[in-house]
C-alpha atoms as a PDB file:
ATOM      1  CA  UNK A   1       0.000   0.000   0.000  1.00  0.00           C
ATOM      2  CA  UNK A   2       1.271   3.440  -0.952  1.00  0.00           C
ATOM      3  CA  UNK A   3      -0.176   6.532   0.730  1.00  0.00           C
ATOM      4  CA  UNK A   4       0.366   9.670  -1.320  1.00  0.00           C
ATOM      5  CA  UNK A   5      -0.520  13.293  -0.709  1.00  0.00           C
ATOM      6  CA  UNK A   6      -1.831  14.464  -4.042  1.00  0.00           C
ATOM      7  CA  UNK A   7      -1.172  17.822  -5.644  1.00  0.00           C
ATOM      8  CA  UNK A   8      -3.320  19.867  -8.034  1.00  0.00           C
ATOM      9  CA  UNK A   9      -2.222  17.750 -11.024  1.00  0.00           C
ATOM     10  CA  UNK A  10      -3.347  14.448  -9.466  1.00  0.00           C
ATOM     11  CA  UNK A  11      -7.036  14.993  -8.749  1.00  0.00           C
ATOM     12  CA  UNK A  12      -7.929  12.249 -11.210  1.00  0.00           C
ATOM     13  CA  UNK A  13      -6.677   9.739  -8.627  1.00  0.00           C
ATOM     14  CA  UNK A  14      -9.636  10.537  -6.354  1.00  0.00           C
ATOM     15  CA  UNK A  15     -12.467  11.801  -8.586  1.00  0.00           C
ATOM     16  CA  UNK A  16     -14.149   8.386  -8.797  1.00  0.00           C
ATOM     17  CA  UNK A  17     -13.558   7.605  -5.118  1.00  0.00           C
ATOM     18  CA  UNK A  18     -15.068  10.967  -4.144  1.00  0.00           C
ATOM     19  CA  UNK A  19     -18.142  10.310  -6.287  1.00  0.00           C
ATOM     20  CA  UNK A  20     -18.578   6.883  -4.653  1.00  0.00           C
ATOM     21  CA  UNK A  21     -18.061   8.442  -1.209  1.00  0.00           C
ATOM     22  CA  UNK A  22     -20.966  10.783  -1.904  1.00  0.00           C
ATOM     23  CA  UNK A  23     -23.103   7.868  -3.160  1.00  0.00           C
ATOM     24  CA  UNK A  24     -22.322   6.061   0.117  1.00  0.00           C
ATOM     25  CA  UNK A  25     -23.892   9.068   1.877  1.00  0.00           C
ATOM     26  CA  UNK A  26     -27.021   8.763  -0.269  1.00  0.00           C
ATOM     27  CA  UNK A  27     -26.175  11.502  -2.768  1.00  0.00           C
ATOM     28  CA  UNK A  28     -26.753  10.983  -6.498  1.00  0.00           C
ATOM     29  CA  UNK A  29     -23.735  10.156  -8.614  1.00  0.00           C
ATOM     30  CA  UNK A  30     -22.426  13.192 -10.449  1.00  0.00           C
ATOM     31  CA  UNK A  31     -18.908  12.710 -11.765  1.00  0.00           C
ATOM     32  CA  UNK A  32     -18.719  16.204 -13.252  1.00  0.00           C
ATOM     33  CA  UNK A  33     -19.558  17.785  -9.932  1.00  0.00           C
ATOM     34  CA  UNK A  34     -17.129  15.457  -8.108  1.00  0.00           C
ATOM     35  CA  UNK A  35     -14.290  16.405 -10.458  1.00  0.00           C
ATOM     36  CA  UNK A  36     -15.074  20.120 -10.220  1.00  0.00           C
ATOM     37  CA  UNK A  37     -15.313  20.094  -6.428  1.00  0.00           C
ATOM     38  CA  UNK A  38     -12.065  18.203  -5.848  1.00  0.00           C
ATOM     39  CA  UNK A  39     -10.157  20.163  -8.476  1.00  0.00           C
ATOM     40  CA  UNK A  40     -11.290  23.486  -6.964  1.00  0.00           C
ATOM     41  CA  UNK A  41     -10.141  22.397  -3.507  1.00  0.00           C
ATOM     42  CA  UNK A  42      -6.726  21.467  -4.919  1.00  0.00           C
ATOM     43  CA  UNK A  43      -6.377  24.513  -7.190  1.00  0.00           C
ATOM     44  CA  UNK A  44      -7.258  26.889  -4.348  1.00  0.00           C
ATOM     45  CA  UNK A  45      -5.152  25.044  -1.764  1.00  0.00           C
ATOM     46  CA  UNK A  46      -8.272  24.631   0.385  1.00  0.00           C
ATOM     47  CA  UNK A  47      -7.767  21.014   1.411  1.00  0.00           C
ATOM     48  CA  UNK A  48      -5.154  18.317   1.778  1.00  0.00           C
ATOM     49  CA  UNK A  49      -5.944  14.973   0.163  1.00  0.00           C
ATOM     50  CA  UNK A  50      -4.211  11.649   0.701  1.00  0.00           C
ATOM     51  CA  UNK A  51      -4.892   8.670  -1.549  1.00  0.00           C
ATOM     52  CA  UNK A  52      -4.172   4.991  -0.899  1.00  0.00           C
ATOM     53  CA  UNK A  53      -2.782   3.147  -3.921  1.00  0.00           C
ATOM     54  CA  UNK A  54      -2.375  -0.594  -4.343  1.00  0.00           C
ATOM     55  CA  UNK A  55       1.339  -1.302  -4.523  1.00  0.00           C
ATOM     56  CA  UNK A  56       1.101  -3.735  -7.441  1.00  0.00           C
ATOM     57  CA  UNK A  57      -0.776  -1.527  -9.892  1.00  0.00           C
ATOM     58  CA  UNK A  58      -1.105   1.954  -8.326  1.00  0.00           C
ATOM     59  CA  UNK A  59      -4.902   1.614  -8.360  1.00  0.00           C
ATOM     60  CA  UNK A  60      -6.586   4.142  -6.007  1.00  0.00           C
ATOM     61  CA  UNK A  61      -8.514   2.273  -3.286  1.00  0.00           C
ATOM     62  CA  UNK A  62      -9.197   4.966  -0.690  1.00  0.00           C
ATOM     63  CA  UNK A  63      -8.769   8.617   0.188  1.00  0.00           C
ATOM     64  CA  UNK A  64      -9.077  11.121   2.985  1.00  0.00           C
ATOM     65  CA  UNK A  65      -9.586  14.862   2.723  1.00  0.00           C
ATOM     66  CA  UNK A  66      -8.603  17.360   5.401  1.00  0.00           C
ATOM     67  CA  UNK A  67      -9.817  20.921   5.812  1.00  0.00           C
ATOM     68  CA  UNK A  68      -8.053  23.553   7.919  1.00  0.00           C
ATOM     69  CA  UNK A  69      -9.577  24.810  11.147  1.00  0.00           C
ATOM     70  CA  UNK A  70      -7.935  27.784  12.802  1.00  0.00           C
ATOM     71  CA  UNK A  71      -7.667  28.435  16.526  1.00  0.00           C
ATOM     72  CA  UNK A  72      -7.071  31.959  17.765  1.00  0.00           C
ATOM     73  CA  UNK A  73      -6.561  30.752  21.333  1.00  0.00           C
ATOM     74  CA  UNK A  74      -3.917  28.192  20.344  1.00  0.00           C
ATOM     75  CA  UNK A  75      -2.675  30.373  17.481  1.00  0.00           C
ATOM     76  CA  UNK A  76      -2.604  27.311  15.276  1.00  0.00           C
ATOM     77  CA  UNK A  77      -3.889  25.772  12.105  1.00  0.00           C
ATOM     78  CA  UNK A  78      -5.606  22.505  12.979  1.00  0.00           C
ATOM     79  CA  UNK A  79      -7.379  20.016  10.764  1.00  0.00           C
ATOM     80  CA  UNK A  80     -10.786  18.466  10.274  1.00  0.00           C
ATOM     81  CA  UNK A  81     -10.636  15.001   8.789  1.00  0.00           C
ATOM     82  CA  UNK A  82     -13.794  15.559   6.782  1.00  0.00           C
ATOM     83  CA  UNK A  83     -13.845  12.708   4.266  1.00  0.00           C
ATOM     84  CA  UNK A  84     -12.611   9.141   4.547  1.00  0.00           C
ATOM     85  CA  UNK A  85     -13.561   6.492   2.032  1.00  0.00           C
ATOM     86  CA  UNK A  86     -12.210   3.040   1.221  1.00  0.00           C
ATOM     87  CA  UNK A  87     -13.379   0.978  -1.736  1.00  0.00           C
ATOM     88  CA  UNK A  88     -15.619  -1.813  -0.453  1.00  0.00           C
ATOM     89  CA  UNK A  89     -13.309  -4.573  -1.770  1.00  0.00           C
ATOM     90  CA  UNK A  90     -10.451  -3.111   0.306  1.00  0.00           C
ATOM     91  CA  UNK A  91     -12.216  -2.538   3.612  1.00  0.00           C
ATOM     92  CA  UNK A  92     -10.989  -4.283   6.757  1.00  0.00           C
ATOM     93  CA  UNK A  93      -7.488  -4.471   5.283  1.00  0.00           C
ATOM     94  CA  UNK A  94      -5.999  -1.512   7.154  1.00  0.00           C
ATOM     95  CA  UNK A  95      -6.423   1.055   4.368  1.00  0.00           C
ATOM     96  CA  UNK A  96      -8.529   3.440   6.463  1.00  0.00           C
ATOM     97  CA  UNK A  97      -6.060   3.261   9.327  1.00  0.00           C
ATOM     98  CA  UNK A  98      -3.111   3.983   7.037  1.00  0.00           C
ATOM     99  CA  UNK A  99      -4.893   7.011   5.601  1.00  0.00           C
ATOM    100  CA  UNK A 100      -5.647   8.323   9.092  1.00  0.00           C
ATOM    101  CA  UNK A 101      -2.044   7.767  10.207  1.00  0.00           C
ATOM    102  CA  UNK A 102      -0.816   9.719   7.167  1.00  0.00           C
ATOM    103  CA  UNK A 103      -3.239  12.533   7.983  1.00  0.00           C
ATOM    104  CA  UNK A 104      -2.294  12.717  11.669  1.00  0.00           C
ATOM    105  CA  UNK A 105       1.418  12.561  10.808  1.00  0.00           C
ATOM    106  CA  UNK A 106       0.925  15.461   8.397  1.00  0.00           C
ATOM    107  CA  UNK A 107      -0.887  17.491  11.070  1.00  0.00           C
ATOM    108  CA  UNK A 108       1.815  16.797  13.682  1.00  0.00           C
ATOM    109  CA  UNK A 109       4.622  17.757  11.295  1.00  0.00           C
ATOM    110  CA  UNK A 110       2.831  21.028  10.569  1.00  0.00           C
ATOM    111  CA  UNK A 111       2.567  22.070  14.223  1.00  0.00           C
ATOM    112  CA  UNK A 112      -1.156  21.454  14.581  1.00  0.00           C
ATOM    113  CA  UNK A 113      -2.547  21.171  18.089  1.00  0.00           C
ATOM    114  CA  UNK A 114      -5.329  18.773  17.128  1.00  0.00           C
ATOM    115  CA  UNK A 115      -7.356  17.047  14.435  1.00  0.00           C
ATOM    116  CA  UNK A 116     -11.042  16.331  14.705  1.00  0.00           C
ATOM    117  CA  UNK A 117     -13.648  14.305  12.864  1.00  0.00           C
ATOM    118  CA  UNK A 118     -17.257  13.257  13.171  1.00  0.00           C
ATOM    119  CA  UNK A 119     -18.875   9.907  12.599  1.00  0.00           C
ATOM    120  CA  UNK A 120     -22.365   8.482  12.812  1.00  0.00           C
ATOM    121  CA  UNK A 121     -23.370   7.236  16.259  1.00  0.00           C
ATOM    122  CA  UNK A 122     -24.090   3.804  14.762  1.00  0.00           C
ATOM    123  CA  UNK A 123     -20.760   3.515  12.889  1.00  0.00           C
ATOM    124  CA  UNK A 124     -19.172   1.267  15.504  1.00  0.00           C
ATOM    125  CA  UNK A 125     -16.344   0.017  13.283  1.00  0.00           C
ATOM    126  CA  UNK A 126     -15.176   3.585  12.584  1.00  0.00           C
ATOM    127  CA  UNK A 127     -15.494   4.555  16.253  1.00  0.00           C
ATOM    128  CA  UNK A 128     -13.361   1.578  17.245  1.00  0.00           C
ATOM    129  CA  UNK A 129     -10.684   2.506  14.685  1.00  0.00           C
ATOM    130  CA  UNK A 130     -10.589   6.161  15.727  1.00  0.00           C
ATOM    131  CA  UNK A 131     -10.306   5.261  19.408  1.00  0.00           C
ATOM    132  CA  UNK A 132      -7.553   2.706  18.663  1.00  0.00           C
ATOM    133  CA  UNK A 133      -5.556   5.441  16.897  1.00  0.00           C
ATOM    134  CA  UNK A 134      -5.980   7.779  19.872  1.00  0.00           C
ATOM    135  CA  UNK A 135      -8.978   9.955  19.064  1.00  0.00           C
ATOM    136  CA  UNK A 136     -11.161  10.811  22.052  1.00  0.00           C
ATOM    137  CA  UNK A 137     -14.880  11.451  21.874  1.00  0.00           C
ATOM    138  CA  UNK A 138     -15.598  14.997  23.011  1.00  0.00           C
ATOM    139  CA  UNK A 139     -19.001  15.785  21.663  1.00  0.00           C
ATOM    140  CA  UNK A 140     -22.189  13.966  20.914  1.00  0.00           C
ATOM    141  CA  UNK A 141     -25.032  14.991  18.755  1.00  0.00           C
ATOM    142  CA  UNK A 142     -28.207  13.261  17.750  1.00  0.00           C
ATOM    143  CA  UNK A 143     -26.753  11.437  14.759  1.00  0.00           C
ATOM    144  CA  UNK A 144     -22.974  12.005  15.035  1.00  0.00           C
ATOM    145  CA  UNK A 145     -20.140  11.837  17.536  1.00  0.00           C
ATOM    146  CA  UNK A 146     -17.218  14.230  17.313  1.00  0.00           C
ATOM    147  CA  UNK A 147     -13.713  12.965  18.037  1.00  0.00           C
ATOM    148  CA  UNK A 148     -10.458  14.828  18.547  1.00  0.00           C
ATOM    149  CA  UNK A 149      -6.829  13.805  18.824  1.00  0.00           C
ATOM    150  CA  UNK A 150      -4.401  16.244  20.460  1.00  0.00           C
ATOM    151  CA  UNK A 151      -0.802  16.489  19.289  1.00  0.00           C
ATOM    152  CA  UNK A 152       0.635  19.026  21.736  1.00  0.00           C
ATOM    153  CA  UNK A 153      -0.574  20.715  24.891  1.00  0.00           C
END
């Protein structure tokens, strides 16, 4: 497995995955919109995207997208892990964990104080993974839990 941070010339590695991610969340498929959205984020330096590639053939099998979140109190740029998707045939093989580790390593190396994410209250597999990595639940809503991992105090 290769985890790669993509640049503005590599959006095509995640366009299809992003469209399928949206389908997973009950949105209609719209490849044109998926391509436009991802490319705009990359062109405008508005997000950081990591893609998981199969080692044998460089086929994209998962991605995660981070958005910045600024803290005036901590005087820091922190990150929201907003999107995480792994192709169904590659789930339960450690791909999601590797993507999260790449994201948290990136945040640590860039002096972030924390990273946060949200997941559905009934997504027990994701909750277990996040807690194993070190995320702590700090907020609960009706349909989602919010998790945060701190890098420095």
